[in-house]
Amino acid sequence: MEEKVTISDISAEKLEKISIKCADCNFWFGNDDRNLLREILEIKSLPDIKYLLRFKFHEQSYKKTGEKKLGIFINNGGTVKAAFKNRYCLGILCAGSCNLFPRLRSFKVYPPDPRSTFLGCIYAEPSQRGEAIKKRLLIELEKDLIRKKAYSIETIGKRLDDDIDDEEFENSPLLSFKFLINNGFYLKKNDQLYPLLRLDLKSIAGDFSLEGSVLKKIAYKRAVRSPVIMKEK
């Protein structure tokens, strides 16, 4: 009998034992060399200054040598979920507070809502994409966040464009715009290549119980809900 796919949260220690391409990915964790004092002077509110300083704190933590950036991300409070089958890792998801992703500030659609959980990426081994591993990982994240009464999930999607060839598009760790829309996200801030999308968790959870039939109810709500595009102010 074939072993079923299981999904679990991964510690920094267990990450060291996982053999999968994205375990060593530094895409989100590059440092920003912009002048801190100049950025602070451009900010008008104290909460935004505190938000910027948290970004800078985590930027410094990712400079540690000899450690996987994703392991530091976990130790700083980030969530990494992995899908396994026969002890083989099929895919990984990473999500957490948006200030754990320093590269976010390089996108035109920055900033996301600081109250939201930011979904950095979902990676699945190419041979496993037909098994909907990405969707399984996303649903597990949604279930956890609904239990914690979290507000929403935001992420940056990618669009295929004349300026991006198929290989570059496929190798980017960002999730495709089509995948996100098909899984209940809507467009929050538009951009030709890298838009910001959002999933309001209440829209898929409602007030029903999380026990037993949660996956069926999430799937049903998605089936009857059309994507919504918010107009930018």
C-alpha atoms as a PDB file:
ATOM      1  CA  MET A   1       0.000   0.000   0.000  1.00  0.00           C
ATOM      2  CA  GLU A   2       1.410   3.364  -1.037  1.00  0.00           C
ATOM      3  CA  GLU A   3       2.197   5.732   1.813  1.00  0.00           C
ATOM      4  CA  LYS A   4       0.065   8.890   1.856  1.00  0.00           C
ATOM      5  CA  VAL A   5       1.419  12.429   1.803  1.00  0.00           C
ATOM      6  CA  THR A   6       1.935  13.941   5.259  1.00  0.00           C
ATOM      7  CA  ILE A   7       2.583  17.608   6.035  1.00  0.00           C
ATOM      8  CA  SER A   8       4.333  18.907   9.136  1.00  0.00           C
ATOM      9  CA  ASP A   9       6.079  21.983  10.495  1.00  0.00           C
ATOM     10  CA  ILE A  10       9.857  21.819  10.226  1.00  0.00           C
ATOM     11  CA  SER A  11      12.381  22.936  12.845  1.00  0.00           C
ATOM     12  CA  ALA A  12      15.734  24.497  11.915  1.00  0.00           C
ATOM     13  CA  GLU A  13      17.433  21.266  13.039  1.00  0.00           C
ATOM     14  CA  LYS A  14      15.241  19.074  10.835  1.00  0.00           C
ATOM     15  CA  LEU A  15      15.747  21.429   7.906  1.00  0.00           C
ATOM     16  CA  GLU A  16      19.434  20.450   7.900  1.00  0.00           C
ATOM     17  CA  LYS A  17      18.407  16.855   7.144  1.00  0.00           C
ATOM     18  CA  ILE A  18      16.024  17.667   4.296  1.00  0.00           C
ATOM     19  CA  SER A  19      17.281  17.183   0.767  1.00  0.00           C
ATOM     20  CA  ILE A  20      15.329  19.635  -1.379  1.00  0.00           C
ATOM     21  CA  LYS A  21      16.430  22.443  -3.665  1.00  0.00           C
ATOM     22  CA  CYS A  22      14.848  25.381  -1.843  1.00  0.00           C
ATOM     23  CA  ALA A  23      16.268  24.554   1.606  1.00  0.00           C
ATOM     24  CA  ASP A  24      19.304  26.689   0.655  1.00  0.00           C
ATOM     25  CA  CYS A  25      17.346  29.444  -1.124  1.00  0.00           C
ATOM     26  CA  ASN A  26      18.351  33.011  -0.214  1.00  0.00           C
ATOM     27  CA  PHE A  27      15.784  34.768  -2.425  1.00  0.00           C
ATOM     28  CA  TRP A  28      13.853  36.517   0.358  1.00  0.00           C
ATOM     29  CA  PHE A  29      16.730  37.025   2.769  1.00  0.00           C
ATOM     30  CA  GLY A  30      19.114  39.317   0.890  1.00  0.00           C
ATOM     31  CA  ASN A  31      20.237  42.425   2.714  1.00  0.00           C
ATOM     32  CA  ASP A  32      19.128  45.927   1.790  1.00  0.00           C
ATOM     33  CA  ASP A  33      21.936  48.504   1.666  1.00  0.00           C
ATOM     34  CA  ARG A  34      19.733  51.604   1.660  1.00  0.00           C
ATOM     35  CA  ASN A  35      20.661  54.283   4.182  1.00  0.00           C
ATOM     36  CA  LEU A  36      18.747  53.650   7.417  1.00  0.00           C
ATOM     37  CA  LEU A  37      18.788  57.275   8.638  1.00  0.00           C
ATOM     38  CA  ARG A  38      17.460  58.537   5.308  1.00  0.00           C
ATOM     39  CA  GLU A  39      14.643  55.988   5.392  1.00  0.00           C
ATOM     40  CA  ILE A  40      13.688  56.942   8.959  1.00  0.00           C
ATOM     41  CA  LEU A  41      13.562  60.638   8.022  1.00  0.00           C
ATOM     42  CA  GLU A  42      11.189  59.792   5.153  1.00  0.00           C
ATOM     43  CA  ILE A  43       8.748  58.065   7.531  1.00  0.00           C
ATOM     44  CA  LYS A  44       6.072  60.175   9.200  1.00  0.00           C
ATOM     45  CA  SER A  45       4.661  57.856  11.876  1.00  0.00           C
ATOM     46  CA  LEU A  46       6.202  56.088  14.866  1.00  0.00           C
ATOM     47  CA  PRO A  47       4.586  52.670  14.085  1.00  0.00           C
ATOM     48  CA  ASP A  48       6.160  52.741  10.607  1.00  0.00           C
ATOM     49  CA  ILE A  49       9.583  53.501  12.114  1.00  0.00           C
ATOM     50  CA  LYS A  50       9.230  50.528  14.474  1.00  0.00           C
ATOM     51  CA  TYR A  51       8.210  48.417  11.489  1.00  0.00           C
ATOM     52  CA  LEU A  52      11.327  49.490   9.561  1.00  0.00           C
ATOM     53  CA  LEU A  53      13.593  48.742  12.516  1.00  0.00           C
ATOM     54  CA  ARG A  54      12.202  45.212  12.736  1.00  0.00           C
ATOM     55  CA  PHE A  55      13.085  44.754   9.056  1.00  0.00           C
ATOM     56  CA  LYS A  56      16.620  45.960   9.756  1.00  0.00           C
ATOM     57  CA  PHE A  57      16.972  43.680  12.782  1.00  0.00           C
ATOM     58  CA  HIS A  58      16.132  40.617  10.728  1.00  0.00           C
ATOM     59  CA  GLU A  59      18.379  41.747   7.869  1.00  0.00           C
ATOM     60  CA  GLN A  60      21.286  41.658  10.276  1.00  0.00           C
ATOM     61  CA  SER A  61      20.348  38.225  11.620  1.00  0.00           C
ATOM     62  CA  TYR A  62      20.493  36.739   8.097  1.00  0.00           C
ATOM     63  CA  LYS A  63      24.149  37.797   7.791  1.00  0.00           C
ATOM     64  CA  LYS A  64      25.239  34.980  10.091  1.00  0.00           C
ATOM     65  CA  THR A  65      27.701  32.725   8.360  1.00  0.00           C
ATOM     66  CA  GLY A  66      27.539  28.944   8.364  1.00  0.00           C
ATOM     67  CA  GLU A  67      23.766  28.807   8.818  1.00  0.00           C
ATOM     68  CA  LYS A  68      21.029  28.262   6.264  1.00  0.00           C
ATOM     69  CA  LYS A  69      18.981  31.413   5.850  1.00  0.00           C
ATOM     70  CA  LEU A  70      15.787  29.370   6.054  1.00  0.00           C
ATOM     71  CA  GLY A  71      16.948  27.954   9.391  1.00  0.00           C
ATOM     72  CA  ILE A  72      17.487  31.491  10.740  1.00  0.00           C
ATOM     73  CA  PHE A  73      14.029  32.378   9.400  1.00  0.00           C
ATOM     74  CA  ILE A  74      12.508  29.532  11.461  1.00  0.00           C
ATOM     75  CA  ASN A  75      14.418  30.530  14.610  1.00  0.00           C
ATOM     76  CA  ASN A  76      13.137  34.100  14.192  1.00  0.00           C
ATOM     77  CA  GLY A  77       9.531  32.890  14.286  1.00  0.00           C
ATOM     78  CA  GLY A  78       8.886  31.948  10.659  1.00  0.00           C
ATOM     79  CA  THR A  79       6.882  28.885   9.676  1.00  0.00           C
ATOM     80  CA  VAL A  80       8.201  26.255   7.294  1.00  0.00           C
ATOM     81  CA  LYS A  81       5.929  23.366   6.346  1.00  0.00           C
ATOM     82  CA  ALA A  82       7.108  20.351   4.378  1.00  0.00           C
ATOM     83  CA  ALA A  83       5.227  17.612   2.542  1.00  0.00           C
ATOM     84  CA  PHE A  84       6.615  14.079   2.812  1.00  0.00           C
ATOM     85  CA  LYS A  85       5.909  10.786   1.113  1.00  0.00           C
ATOM     86  CA  ASN A  86       7.885   7.662   1.996  1.00  0.00           C
ATOM     87  CA  ARG A  87      10.215   9.987   3.956  1.00  0.00           C
ATOM     88  CA  TYR A  88      10.984  11.898   0.765  1.00  0.00           C
ATOM     89  CA  CYS A  89      10.383  15.662   0.869  1.00  0.00           C
ATOM     90  CA  LEU A  90       8.060  16.676  -1.963  1.00  0.00           C
ATOM     91  CA  GLY A  91       7.728  20.378  -1.241  1.00  0.00           C
ATOM     92  CA  ILE A  92       8.139  23.259   1.203  1.00  0.00           C
ATOM     93  CA  LEU A  93       6.138  26.342   2.201  1.00  0.00           C
ATOM     94  CA  CYS A  94       7.489  29.336   4.132  1.00  0.00           C
ATOM     95  CA  ALA A  95       5.368  32.035   5.757  1.00  0.00           C
ATOM     96  CA  GLY A  96       5.542  34.461   8.649  1.00  0.00           C
ATOM     97  CA  SER A  97       5.615  38.110   9.663  1.00  0.00           C
ATOM     98  CA  CYS A  98       6.439  40.246   6.631  1.00  0.00           C
ATOM     99  CA  ASN A  99       9.436  41.817   8.392  1.00  0.00           C
ATOM    100  CA  LEU A 100      11.122  38.399   8.173  1.00  0.00           C
ATOM    101  CA  PHE A 101      11.415  38.912   4.390  1.00  0.00           C
ATOM    102  CA  PRO A 102      13.913  41.767   3.805  1.00  0.00           C
ATOM    103  CA  ARG A 103      13.670  41.609   0.025  1.00  0.00           C
ATOM    104  CA  LEU A 104      10.006  42.605   0.215  1.00  0.00           C
ATOM    105  CA  ARG A 105      11.081  46.244   0.310  1.00  0.00           C
ATOM    106  CA  SER A 106      12.495  45.997  -3.215  1.00  0.00           C
ATOM    107  CA  PHE A 107       9.047  45.368  -4.768  1.00  0.00           C
ATOM    108  CA  LYS A 108       6.916  48.247  -6.064  1.00  0.00           C
ATOM    109  CA  VAL A 109       3.837  46.932  -4.215  1.00  0.00           C
ATOM    110  CA  TYR A 110       5.560  47.179  -0.815  1.00  0.00           C
ATOM    111  CA  PRO A 111       4.383  47.431   1.938  1.00  0.00           C
ATOM    112  CA  PRO A 112       1.948  44.592   2.629  1.00  0.00           C
ATOM    113  CA  ASP A 113      -0.431  44.749   5.581  1.00  0.00           C
ATOM    114  CA  PRO A 114       1.766  44.167   8.681  1.00  0.00           C
ATOM    115  CA  ARG A 115      -1.183  42.418  10.371  1.00  0.00           C
ATOM    116  CA  SER A 116      -1.247  39.756   7.665  1.00  0.00           C
ATOM    117  CA  THR A 117       0.801  36.589   7.515  1.00  0.00           C
ATOM    118  CA  PHE A 118       3.097  36.883   4.520  1.00  0.00           C
ATOM    119  CA  LEU A 119       3.403  33.817   2.306  1.00  0.00           C
ATOM    120  CA  GLY A 120       6.926  33.850   0.892  1.00  0.00           C
ATOM    121  CA  CYS A 121       6.753  30.840  -1.383  1.00  0.00           C
ATOM    122  CA  ILE A 122       5.598  27.282  -1.932  1.00  0.00           C
ATOM    123  CA  TYR A 123       8.021  25.004  -3.741  1.00  0.00           C
ATOM    124  CA  ALA A 124       7.196  21.538  -5.056  1.00  0.00           C
ATOM    125  CA  GLU A 125       9.554  19.135  -6.766  1.00  0.00           C
ATOM    126  CA  PRO A 126       8.838  19.276 -10.539  1.00  0.00           C
ATOM    127  CA  SER A 127       7.865  15.604 -10.655  1.00  0.00           C
ATOM    128  CA  GLN A 128       5.228  16.177  -7.938  1.00  0.00           C
ATOM    129  CA  ARG A 129       3.386  19.239  -9.231  1.00  0.00           C
ATOM    130  CA  GLY A 130       0.646  17.076 -10.712  1.00  0.00           C
ATOM    131  CA  GLU A 131      -0.227  15.855  -7.191  1.00  0.00           C
ATOM    132  CA  ALA A 132      -1.260  19.309  -6.059  1.00  0.00           C
ATOM    133  CA  ILE A 133       1.413  19.442  -3.355  1.00  0.00           C
ATOM    134  CA  LYS A 134       1.405  23.233  -3.404  1.00  0.00           C
ATOM    135  CA  LYS A 135      -2.337  23.345  -2.752  1.00  0.00           C
ATOM    136  CA  ARG A 136      -2.037  20.824   0.083  1.00  0.00           C
ATOM    137  CA  LEU A 137       0.668  22.914   1.749  1.00  0.00           C
ATOM    138  CA  LEU A 138      -1.372  26.108   1.362  1.00  0.00           C
ATOM    139  CA  ILE A 139      -4.471  24.511   2.898  1.00  0.00           C
ATOM    140  CA  GLU A 140      -2.451  23.311   5.902  1.00  0.00           C
ATOM    141  CA  LEU A 141      -1.205  26.872   6.452  1.00  0.00           C
ATOM    142  CA  GLU A 142      -4.759  28.207   6.185  1.00  0.00           C
ATOM    143  CA  LYS A 143      -6.027  25.676   8.727  1.00  0.00           C
ATOM    144  CA  ASP A 144      -3.334  26.659  11.230  1.00  0.00           C
ATOM    145  CA  LEU A 145      -3.963  30.377  10.799  1.00  0.00           C
ATOM    146  CA  ILE A 146      -7.742  29.987  11.107  1.00  0.00           C
ATOM    147  CA  ARG A 147      -7.258  28.118  14.391  1.00  0.00           C
ATOM    148  CA  LYS A 148      -5.087  31.001  15.600  1.00  0.00           C
ATOM    149  CA  LYS A 149      -7.776  33.475  14.490  1.00  0.00           C
ATOM    150  CA  ALA A 150      -5.322  35.136  12.115  1.00  0.00           C
ATOM    151  CA  TYR A 151      -6.564  37.967   9.943  1.00  0.00           C
ATOM    152  CA  SER A 152      -5.339  37.285   6.420  1.00  0.00           C
ATOM    153  CA  ILE A 153      -2.555  36.051   4.146  1.00  0.00           C
ATOM    154  CA  GLU A 154      -0.745  38.270   1.661  1.00  0.00           C
ATOM    155  CA  THR A 155       1.850  37.356  -0.934  1.00  0.00           C
ATOM    156  CA  ILE A 156       3.551  38.609  -4.076  1.00  0.00           C
ATOM    157  CA  GLY A 157       2.608  36.762  -7.241  1.00  0.00           C
ATOM    158  CA  LYS A 158       4.369  36.549 -10.573  1.00  0.00           C
ATOM    159  CA  ARG A 159       3.011  37.088 -14.063  1.00  0.00           C
ATOM    160  CA  LEU A 160       4.479  35.656 -17.241  1.00  0.00           C
ATOM    161  CA  ASP A 161       5.507  38.585 -19.445  1.00  0.00           C
ATOM    162  CA  ASP A 162       7.426  39.224 -22.648  1.00  0.00           C
ATOM    163  CA  ASP A 163      10.352  40.372 -20.490  1.00  0.00           C
ATOM    164  CA  ILE A 164      10.471  37.033 -18.625  1.00  0.00           C
ATOM    165  CA  ASP A 165      11.124  33.766 -20.427  1.00  0.00           C
ATOM    166  CA  ASP A 166       9.437  30.515 -19.422  1.00  0.00           C
ATOM    167  CA  GLU A 167      12.514  29.138 -17.630  1.00  0.00           C
ATOM    168  CA  GLU A 168      13.060  32.261 -15.518  1.00  0.00           C
ATOM    169  CA  PHE A 169       9.366  32.347 -14.648  1.00  0.00           C
ATOM    170  CA  GLU A 170       9.363  28.680 -13.635  1.00  0.00           C
ATOM    171  CA  ASN A 171      12.526  28.974 -11.513  1.00  0.00           C
ATOM    172  CA  SER A 172      11.322  31.992  -9.539  1.00  0.00           C
ATOM    173  CA  PRO A 173      10.201  31.029  -6.010  1.00  0.00           C
ATOM    174  CA  LEU A 174       7.234  33.388  -6.258  1.00  0.00           C
ATOM    175  CA  LEU A 175       3.810  31.827  -6.754  1.00  0.00           C
ATOM    176  CA  SER A 176       2.071  32.326 -10.075  1.00  0.00           C
ATOM    177  CA  PHE A 177      -0.780  34.824 -10.254  1.00  0.00           C
ATOM    178  CA  LYS A 178      -3.044  32.133 -11.738  1.00  0.00           C
ATOM    179  CA  PHE A 179      -2.360  29.679  -8.889  1.00  0.00           C
ATOM    180  CA  LEU A 180      -3.157  32.340  -6.276  1.00  0.00           C
ATOM    181  CA  ILE A 181      -6.399  33.471  -7.931  1.00  0.00           C
ATOM    182  CA  ASN A 182      -7.489  29.845  -8.322  1.00  0.00           C
ATOM    183  CA  ASN A 183      -6.946  29.367  -4.592  1.00  0.00           C
ATOM    184  CA  GLY A 184      -9.059  32.254  -3.347  1.00  0.00           C
ATOM    185  CA  PHE A 185      -6.612  35.195  -3.351  1.00  0.00           C
ATOM    186  CA  TYR A 186      -7.617  38.525  -4.879  1.00  0.00           C
ATOM    187  CA  LEU A 187      -5.595  41.365  -6.328  1.00  0.00           C
ATOM    188  CA  LYS A 188      -4.789  44.023  -3.722  1.00  0.00           C
ATOM    189  CA  LYS A 189      -2.054  46.117  -5.385  1.00  0.00           C
ATOM    190  CA  ASN A 190      -1.453  45.760  -9.082  1.00  0.00           C
ATOM    191  CA  ASP A 191       1.877  45.553 -10.875  1.00  0.00           C
ATOM    192  CA  GLN A 192       2.653  44.358 -14.391  1.00  0.00           C
ATOM    193  CA  LEU A 193       5.029  41.643 -13.169  1.00  0.00           C
ATOM    194  CA  TYR A 194       4.764  41.292  -9.373  1.00  0.00           C
ATOM    195  CA  PRO A 195       1.336  42.161  -7.925  1.00  0.00           C
ATOM    196  CA  LEU A 196       0.394  41.917  -4.245  1.00  0.00           C
ATOM    197  CA  LEU A 197      -2.459  39.483  -3.548  1.00  0.00           C
ATOM    198  CA  ARG A 198      -4.508  38.812  -0.436  1.00  0.00           C
ATOM    199  CA  LEU A 199      -6.650  36.067   1.048  1.00  0.00           C
ATOM    200  CA  ASP A 200      -9.052  37.104   3.818  1.00  0.00           C
ATOM    201  CA  LEU A 201      -9.272  34.055   6.049  1.00  0.00           C
ATOM    202  CA  LYS A 202     -12.788  34.879   7.229  1.00  0.00           C
ATOM    203  CA  SER A 203     -13.952  34.566   3.642  1.00  0.00           C
ATOM    204  CA  ILE A 204     -13.052  30.877   3.606  1.00  0.00           C
ATOM    205  CA  ALA A 205     -13.618  30.009   7.256  1.00  0.00           C
ATOM    206  CA  GLY A 206     -16.826  31.872   8.077  1.00  0.00           C
ATOM    207  CA  ASP A 207     -18.243  30.866  11.438  1.00  0.00           C
ATOM    208  CA  PHE A 208     -18.242  27.101  10.892  1.00  0.00           C
ATOM    209  CA  SER A 209     -16.434  24.654  13.148  1.00  0.00           C
ATOM    210  CA  LEU A 210     -12.893  23.642  12.277  1.00  0.00           C
ATOM    211  CA  GLU A 211     -13.552  20.073  13.289  1.00  0.00           C
ATOM    212  CA  GLY A 212     -13.985  17.255  10.798  1.00  0.00           C
ATOM    213  CA  SER A 213     -15.229  18.855   7.606  1.00  0.00           C
ATOM    214  CA  VAL A 214     -13.029  21.958   7.413  1.00  0.00           C
ATOM    215  CA  LEU A 215     -11.302  20.960   4.168  1.00  0.00           C
ATOM    216  CA  LYS A 216     -14.600  20.186   2.434  1.00  0.00           C
ATOM    217  CA  LYS A 217     -16.070  23.492   3.525  1.00  0.00           C
ATOM    218  CA  ILE A 218     -12.999  25.451   2.399  1.00  0.00           C
ATOM    219  CA  ALA A 219     -13.139  23.701  -0.991  1.00  0.00           C
ATOM    220  CA  TYR A 220     -16.886  24.424  -1.312  1.00  0.00           C
ATOM    221  CA  LYS A 221     -16.527  28.110  -0.464  1.00  0.00           C
ATOM    222  CA  ARG A 222     -13.758  28.453  -3.027  1.00  0.00           C
ATOM    223  CA  ALA A 223     -15.864  26.754  -5.683  1.00  0.00           C
ATOM    224  CA  VAL A 224     -18.693  29.275  -5.359  1.00  0.00           C
ATOM    225  CA  ARG A 225     -16.572  32.387  -4.725  1.00  0.00           C
ATOM    226  CA  SER A 226     -15.450  34.493  -7.662  1.00  0.00           C
ATOM    227  CA  PRO A 227     -12.110  36.362  -7.509  1.00  0.00           C
ATOM    228  CA  VAL A 228     -12.464  40.023  -6.551  1.00  0.00           C
ATOM    229  CA  ILE A 229     -10.192  42.818  -7.765  1.00  0.00           C
ATOM    230  CA  MET A 230      -9.810  45.757  -5.410  1.00  0.00           C
ATOM    231  CA  LYS A 231      -9.398  49.139  -7.003  1.00  0.00           C
ATOM    232  CA  GLU A 232      -6.343  51.046  -5.879  1.00  0.00           C
ATOM    233  CA  LYS A 233      -6.955  54.345  -4.178  1.00  0.00           C
END
